[in-house]
């Protein structure tokens, strides 16, 4: 596979992961994520780091978590 097609595959994968994670969080994972934050006494960013979430996905997840916390 050439490098150009790999770029498109990687981009599509990241977008798909972002959408999937966003749907999962909005469907109830946010509650579990917030519980994890409380039990570990860590911030959203610290939990994202702990779970080794890809940097490109973090802003969307962070925004969704903050919406659910309200």
PDB file of N, CA and C in Angstrom:
ATOM      1  N   UNK A   1       0.853  -1.167   0.000  1.00  0.00           N
ATOM      2  CA  UNK A   1       0.000   0.000   0.000  1.00  0.00           C
ATOM      3  C   UNK A   1       0.900   1.231   0.000  1.00  0.00           C
ATOM      4  N   UNK A   2       0.524   2.215  -0.807  1.00  0.00           N
ATOM      5  CA  UNK A   2       1.363   3.406  -0.862  1.00  0.00           C
ATOM      6  C   UNK A   2       1.110   4.296   0.355  1.00  0.00           C
ATOM      7  N   UNK A   3       2.025   5.208   0.589  1.00  0.00           N
ATOM      8  CA  UNK A   3       1.937   6.084   1.755  1.00  0.00           C
ATOM      9  C   UNK A   3       0.702   6.974   1.724  1.00  0.00           C
ATOM     10  N   UNK A   4       0.310   7.431   0.526  1.00  0.00           N
ATOM     11  CA  UNK A   4      -0.845   8.318   0.423  1.00  0.00           C
ATOM     12  C   UNK A   4      -2.125   7.606   0.868  1.00  0.00           C
ATOM     13  N   UNK A   5      -2.320   6.388   0.416  1.00  0.00           N
ATOM     14  CA  UNK A   5      -3.532   5.667   0.823  1.00  0.00           C
ATOM     15  C   UNK A   5      -3.509   5.362   2.319  1.00  0.00           C
ATOM     16  N   UNK A   6      -2.341   5.149   2.889  1.00  0.00           N
ATOM     17  CA  UNK A   6      -2.236   4.910   4.328  1.00  0.00           C
ATOM     18  C   UNK A   6      -2.663   6.143   5.111  1.00  0.00           C
ATOM     19  N   UNK A   7      -2.359   7.330   4.591  1.00  0.00           N
ATOM     20  CA  UNK A   7      -2.773   8.581   5.239  1.00  0.00           C
ATOM     21  C   UNK A   7      -4.290   8.645   5.309  1.00  0.00           C
ATOM     22  N   UNK A   8      -4.956   8.286   4.211  1.00  0.00           N
ATOM     23  CA  UNK A   8      -6.418   8.305   4.193  1.00  0.00           C
ATOM     24  C   UNK A   8      -7.004   7.270   5.146  1.00  0.00           C
ATOM     25  N   UNK A   9      -6.402   6.115   5.204  1.00  0.00           N
ATOM     26  CA  UNK A   9      -6.867   5.069   6.118  1.00  0.00           C
ATOM     27  C   UNK A   9      -6.701   5.523   7.566  1.00  0.00           C
ATOM     28  N   UNK A  10      -5.544   6.085   7.891  1.00  0.00           N
ATOM     29  CA  UNK A  10      -5.291   6.554   9.257  1.00  0.00           C
ATOM     30  C   UNK A  10      -6.263   7.660   9.646  1.00  0.00           C
ATOM     31  N   UNK A  11      -6.511   8.588   8.718  1.00  0.00           N
ATOM     32  CA  UNK A  11      -7.425   9.693   8.981  1.00  0.00           C
ATOM     33  C   UNK A  11      -8.837   9.165   9.220  1.00  0.00           C
ATOM     34  N   UNK A  12      -9.265   8.242   8.387  1.00  0.00           N
ATOM     35  CA  UNK A  12     -10.590   7.653   8.544  1.00  0.00           C
ATOM     36  C   UNK A  12     -10.721   6.896   9.853  1.00  0.00           C
ATOM     37  N   UNK A  13      -9.686   6.206  10.235  1.00  0.00           N
ATOM     38  CA  UNK A  13      -9.690   5.458  11.500  1.00  0.00           C
ATOM     39  C   UNK A  13      -9.841   6.413  12.684  1.00  0.00           C
ATOM     40  N   UNK A  14      -9.073   7.504  12.674  1.00  0.00           N
ATOM     41  CA  UNK A  14      -9.149   8.469  13.770  1.00  0.00           C
ATOM     42  C   UNK A  14     -10.532   9.099  13.858  1.00  0.00           C
ATOM     43  N   UNK A  15     -11.100   9.453  12.702  1.00  0.00           N
ATOM     44  CA  UNK A  15     -12.443  10.045  12.705  1.00  0.00           C
ATOM     45  C   UNK A  15     -13.469   9.039  13.212  1.00  0.00           C
ATOM     46  N   UNK A  16     -13.345   7.796  12.781  1.00  0.00           N
ATOM     47  CA  UNK A  16     -14.263   6.753  13.238  1.00  0.00           C
ATOM     48  C   UNK A  16     -14.161   6.512  14.725  1.00  0.00           C
ATOM     49  N   UNK A  17     -12.937   6.479  15.231  1.00  0.00           N
ATOM     50  CA  UNK A  17     -12.725   6.285  16.674  1.00  0.00           C
ATOM     51  C   UNK A  17     -13.332   7.445  17.454  1.00  0.00           C
ATOM     52  N   UNK A  18     -13.106   8.653  16.977  1.00  0.00           N
ATOM     53  CA  UNK A  18     -13.629   9.832  17.650  1.00  0.00           C
ATOM     54  C   UNK A  18     -15.151   9.779  17.714  1.00  0.00           C
ATOM     55  N   UNK A  19     -15.784   9.437  16.606  1.00  0.00           N
ATOM     56  CA  UNK A  19     -17.252   9.343  16.586  1.00  0.00           C
ATOM     57  C   UNK A  19     -17.743   8.222  17.497  1.00  0.00           C
ATOM     58  N   UNK A  20     -17.067   7.086  17.461  1.00  0.00           N
ATOM     59  CA  UNK A  20     -17.468   5.961  18.292  1.00  0.00           C
ATOM     60  C   UNK A  20     -17.337   6.260  19.770  1.00  0.00           C
ATOM     61  N   UNK A  21     -16.245   6.872  20.149  1.00  0.00           N
ATOM     62  CA  UNK A  21     -16.034   7.234  21.550  1.00  0.00           C
ATOM     63  C   UNK A  21     -17.056   8.273  21.980  1.00  0.00           C
ATOM     64  N   UNK A  22     -17.317   9.245  21.120  1.00  0.00           N
ATOM     65  CA  UNK A  22     -18.298  10.277  21.438  1.00  0.00           C
ATOM     66  C   UNK A  22     -19.680   9.664  21.657  1.00  0.00           C
ATOM     67  N   UNK A  23     -20.077   8.741  20.802  1.00  0.00           N
ATOM     68  CA  UNK A  23     -21.378   8.084  20.964  1.00  0.00           C
ATOM     69  C   UNK A  23     -21.403   7.261  22.248  1.00  0.00           C
ATOM     70  N   UNK A  24     -20.325   6.545  22.513  1.00  0.00           N
ATOM     71  CA  UNK A  24     -20.261   5.729  23.721  1.00  0.00           C
ATOM     72  C   UNK A  24     -20.348   6.567  24.977  1.00  0.00           C
ATOM     73  N   UNK A  25     -19.636   7.661  24.993  1.00  0.00           N
ATOM     74  CA  UNK A  25     -19.664   8.543  26.157  1.00  0.00           C
ATOM     75  C   UNK A  25     -21.040   9.156  26.324  1.00  0.00           C
ATOM     76  N   UNK A  26     -21.619   9.596  25.222  1.00  0.00           N
ATOM     77  CA  UNK A  26     -22.927  10.231  25.330  1.00  0.00           C
ATOM     78  C   UNK A  26     -24.010   9.225  25.699  1.00  0.00           C
ATOM     79  N   UNK A  27     -23.759   7.952  25.528  1.00  0.00           N
ATOM     80  CA  UNK A  27     -24.747   6.918  25.861  1.00  0.00           C
ATOM     81  C   UNK A  27     -24.525   6.307  27.234  1.00  0.00           C
ATOM     82  N   UNK A  28     -23.710   6.874  28.055  1.00  0.00           N
ATOM     83  CA  UNK A  28     -23.588   6.356  29.403  1.00  0.00           C
ATOM     84  C   UNK A  28     -22.177   6.197  29.914  1.00  0.00           C
ATOM     85  N   UNK A  29     -21.197   6.185  29.025  1.00  0.00           N
ATOM     86  CA  UNK A  29     -19.829   6.033  29.495  1.00  0.00           C
ATOM     87  C   UNK A  29     -19.377   7.252  30.287  1.00  0.00           C
ATOM     88  N   UNK A  30     -20.013   8.385  30.044  1.00  0.00           N
ATOM     89  CA  UNK A  30     -19.630   9.598  30.764  1.00  0.00           C
ATOM     90  C   UNK A  30     -19.791   9.392  32.260  1.00  0.00           C
ATOM     91  N   UNK A  31     -20.855   8.723  32.646  1.00  0.00           N
ATOM     92  CA  UNK A  31     -21.082   8.464  34.075  1.00  0.00           C
ATOM     93  C   UNK A  31     -19.941   7.629  34.649  1.00  0.00           C
ATOM     94  N   UNK A  32     -19.543   6.595  33.930  1.00  0.00           N
ATOM     95  CA  UNK A  32     -18.430   5.758  34.390  1.00  0.00           C
ATOM     96  C   UNK A  32     -17.121   6.532  34.420  1.00  0.00           C
ATOM     97  N   UNK A  33     -16.913   7.379  33.427  1.00  0.00           N
ATOM     98  CA  UNK A  33     -15.703   8.184  33.358  1.00  0.00           C
ATOM     99  C   UNK A  33     -15.639   9.132  34.550  1.00  0.00           C
ATOM    100  N   UNK A  34     -16.771   9.769  34.852  1.00  0.00           N
ATOM    101  CA  UNK A  34     -16.833  10.696  35.991  1.00  0.00           C
ATOM    102  C   UNK A  34     -16.621   9.942  37.300  1.00  0.00           C
ATOM    103  N   UNK A  35     -17.193   8.742  37.408  1.00  0.00           N
ATOM    104  CA  UNK A  35     -16.977   7.914  38.598  1.00  0.00           C
ATOM    105  C   UNK A  35     -15.496   7.587  38.754  1.00  0.00           C
ATOM    106  N   UNK A  36     -14.845   7.234  37.666  1.00  0.00           N
ATOM    107  CA  UNK A  36     -13.408   6.944  37.701  1.00  0.00           C
ATOM    108  C   UNK A  36     -12.624   8.168  38.155  1.00  0.00           C
ATOM    109  N   UNK A  37     -13.019   9.343  37.662  1.00  0.00           N
ATOM    110  CA  UNK A  37     -12.348  10.577  38.077  1.00  0.00           C
ATOM    111  C   UNK A  37     -12.479  10.787  39.589  1.00  0.00           C
ATOM    112  N   UNK A  38     -13.682  10.560  40.104  1.00  0.00           N
ATOM    113  CA  UNK A  38     -13.922  10.774  41.536  1.00  0.00           C
ATOM    114  C   UNK A  38     -13.168   9.763  42.389  1.00  0.00           C
ATOM    115  N   UNK A  39     -13.198   8.490  41.977  1.00  0.00           N
ATOM    116  CA  UNK A  39     -12.544   7.439  42.773  1.00  0.00           C
ATOM    117  C   UNK A  39     -11.029   7.551  42.772  1.00  0.00           C
ATOM    118  N   UNK A  40     -10.478   8.053  41.671  1.00  0.00           N
ATOM    119  CA  UNK A  40      -9.022   8.204  41.598  1.00  0.00           C
ATOM    120  C   UNK A  40      -8.583   9.612  41.975  1.00  0.00           C
ATOM    121  N   UNK A  41      -9.572  10.485  42.205  1.00  0.00           N
ATOM    122  CA  UNK A  41      -9.295  11.879  42.544  1.00  0.00           C
ATOM    123  C   UNK A  41      -8.401  12.534  41.484  1.00  0.00           C
ATOM    124  N   UNK A  42      -8.779  12.322  40.220  1.00  0.00           N
ATOM    125  CA  UNK A  42      -8.004  12.874  39.104  1.00  0.00           C
ATOM    126  C   UNK A  42      -8.895  13.702  38.195  1.00  0.00           C
ATOM    127  N   UNK A  43      -8.269  14.576  37.429  1.00  0.00           N
ATOM    128  CA  UNK A  43      -8.984  15.413  36.471  1.00  0.00           C
ATOM    129  C   UNK A  43      -9.280  14.614  35.204  1.00  0.00           C
ATOM    130  N   UNK A  44     -10.077  15.211  34.320  1.00  0.00           N
ATOM    131  CA  UNK A  44     -10.379  14.581  33.039  1.00  0.00           C
ATOM    132  C   UNK A  44      -9.077  14.291  32.285  1.00  0.00           C
ATOM    133  N   UNK A  45      -8.203  15.277  32.226  1.00  0.00           N
ATOM    134  CA  UNK A  45      -6.944  15.104  31.495  1.00  0.00           C
ATOM    135  C   UNK A  45      -6.075  13.998  32.092  1.00  0.00           C
ATOM    136  N   UNK A  46      -6.059  13.898  33.402  1.00  0.00           N
ATOM    137  CA  UNK A  46      -5.264  12.850  34.047  1.00  0.00           C
ATOM    138  C   UNK A  46      -5.822  11.460  33.744  1.00  0.00           C
ATOM    139  N   UNK A  47      -7.143  11.337  33.716  1.00  0.00           N
ATOM    140  CA  UNK A  47      -7.762  10.043  33.402  1.00  0.00           C
ATOM    141  C   UNK A  47      -7.539   9.703  31.931  1.00  0.00           C
ATOM    142  N   UNK A  48      -7.624  10.701  31.047  1.00  0.00           N
ATOM    143  CA  UNK A  48      -7.344  10.468  29.631  1.00  0.00           C
ATOM    144  C   UNK A  48      -5.918   9.962  29.448  1.00  0.00           C
ATOM    145  N   UNK A  49      -5.001  10.516  30.204  1.00  0.00           N
ATOM    146  CA  UNK A  49      -3.602  10.071  30.155  1.00  0.00           C
ATOM    147  C   UNK A  49      -3.472   8.664  30.724  1.00  0.00           C
ATOM    148  N   UNK A  50      -4.134   8.416  31.844  1.00  0.00           N
ATOM    149  CA  UNK A  50      -4.099   7.102  32.481  1.00  0.00           C
ATOM    150  C   UNK A  50      -4.596   6.012  31.529  1.00  0.00           C
ATOM    151  N   UNK A  51      -5.656   6.322  30.786  1.00  0.00           N
ATOM    152  CA  UNK A  51      -6.238   5.358  29.845  1.00  0.00           C
ATOM    153  C   UNK A  51      -5.528   5.351  28.496  1.00  0.00           C
ATOM    154  N   UNK A  52      -4.527   6.206  28.347  1.00  0.00           N
ATOM    155  CA  UNK A  52      -3.727   6.292  27.127  1.00  0.00           C
ATOM    156  C   UNK A  52      -4.598   6.570  25.894  1.00  0.00           C
ATOM    157  N   UNK A  53      -5.525   7.531  26.056  1.00  0.00           N
ATOM    158  CA  UNK A  53      -6.398   7.941  24.961  1.00  0.00           C
ATOM    159  C   UNK A  53      -5.601   8.809  23.992  1.00  0.00           C
ATOM    160  N   UNK A  54      -5.757   8.551  22.708  1.00  0.00           N
ATOM    161  CA  UNK A  54      -5.035   9.278  21.664  1.00  0.00           C
ATOM    162  C   UNK A  54      -5.256  10.782  21.806  1.00  0.00           C
ATOM    163  N   UNK A  55      -4.186  11.542  21.614  1.00  0.00           N
ATOM    164  CA  UNK A  55      -4.228  13.002  21.757  1.00  0.00           C
ATOM    165  C   UNK A  55      -5.293  13.643  20.870  1.00  0.00           C
ATOM    166  N   UNK A  56      -5.494  13.110  19.673  1.00  0.00           N
ATOM    167  CA  UNK A  56      -6.441  13.717  18.740  1.00  0.00           C
ATOM    168  C   UNK A  56      -7.888  13.559  19.199  1.00  0.00           C
ATOM    169  N   UNK A  57      -8.156  12.609  20.078  1.00  0.00           N
ATOM    170  CA  UNK A  57      -9.512  12.360  20.550  1.00  0.00           C
ATOM    171  C   UNK A  57      -9.835  13.115  21.839  1.00  0.00           C
ATOM    172  N   UNK A  58      -8.842  13.572  22.514  1.00  0.00           N
ATOM    173  CA  UNK A  58      -9.022  14.154  23.848  1.00  0.00           C
ATOM    174  C   UNK A  58      -9.898  15.401  23.897  1.00  0.00           C
ATOM    175  N   UNK A  59      -9.764  16.345  22.955  1.00  0.00           N
ATOM    176  CA  UNK A  59     -10.627  17.542  23.053  1.00  0.00           C
ATOM    177  C   UNK A  59     -12.119  17.214  22.990  1.00  0.00           C
ATOM    178  N   UNK A  60     -12.509  16.310  22.101  1.00  0.00           N
ATOM    179  CA  UNK A  60     -13.919  15.933  21.991  1.00  0.00           C
ATOM    180  C   UNK A  60     -14.406  15.230  23.247  1.00  0.00           C
ATOM    181  N   UNK A  61     -13.601  14.337  23.773  1.00  0.00           N
ATOM    182  CA  UNK A  61     -13.982  13.605  24.984  1.00  0.00           C
ATOM    183  C   UNK A  61     -14.083  14.559  26.163  1.00  0.00           C
ATOM    184  N   UNK A  62     -13.109  15.442  26.274  1.00  0.00           N
ATOM    185  CA  UNK A  62     -13.091  16.426  27.353  1.00  0.00           C
ATOM    186  C   UNK A  62     -14.364  17.264  27.334  1.00  0.00           C
ATOM    187  N   UNK A  63     -14.758  17.710  26.156  1.00  0.00           N
ATOM    188  CA  UNK A  63     -15.968  18.538  26.008  1.00  0.00           C
ATOM    189  C   UNK A  63     -17.213  17.753  26.432  1.00  0.00           C
ATOM    190  N   UNK A  64     -17.313  16.501  25.997  1.00  0.00           N
ATOM    191  CA  UNK A  64     -18.470  15.680  26.352  1.00  0.00           C
ATOM    192  C   UNK A  64     -18.558  15.414  27.848  1.00  0.00           C
ATOM    193  N   UNK A  65     -17.420  15.160  28.471  1.00  0.00           N
ATOM    194  CA  UNK A  65     -17.404  14.908  29.916  1.00  0.00           C
ATOM    195  C   UNK A  65     -17.867  16.147  30.676  1.00  0.00           C
ATOM    196  N   UNK A  66     -17.382  17.299  30.273  1.00  0.00           N
ATOM    197  CA  UNK A  66     -17.770  18.538  30.956  1.00  0.00           C
ATOM    198  C   UNK A  66     -19.256  18.824  30.773  1.00  0.00           C
ATOM    199  N   UNK A  67     -19.832  18.458  29.636  1.00  0.00           N
ATOM    200  CA  UNK A  67     -21.281  18.623  29.427  1.00  0.00           C
ATOM    201  C   UNK A  67     -22.065  17.724  30.364  1.00  0.00           C
ATOM    202  N   UNK A  68     -21.590  16.505  30.571  1.00  0.00           N
ATOM    203  CA  UNK A  68     -22.288  15.539  31.425  1.00  0.00           C
ATOM    204  C   UNK A  68     -22.154  15.880  32.911  1.00  0.00           C
ATOM    205  N   UNK A  69     -21.088  16.582  33.282  1.00  0.00           N
ATOM    206  CA  UNK A  69     -20.862  16.910  34.697  1.00  0.00           C
ATOM    207  C   UNK A  69     -21.864  17.940  35.204  1.00  0.00           C
ATOM    208  N   UNK A  70     -22.439  18.701  34.314  1.00  0.00           N
ATOM    209  CA  UNK A  70     -23.358  19.777  34.732  1.00  0.00           C
ATOM    210  C   UNK A  70     -24.667  19.252  35.227  1.00  0.00           C
TER     211      UNK A  70
END
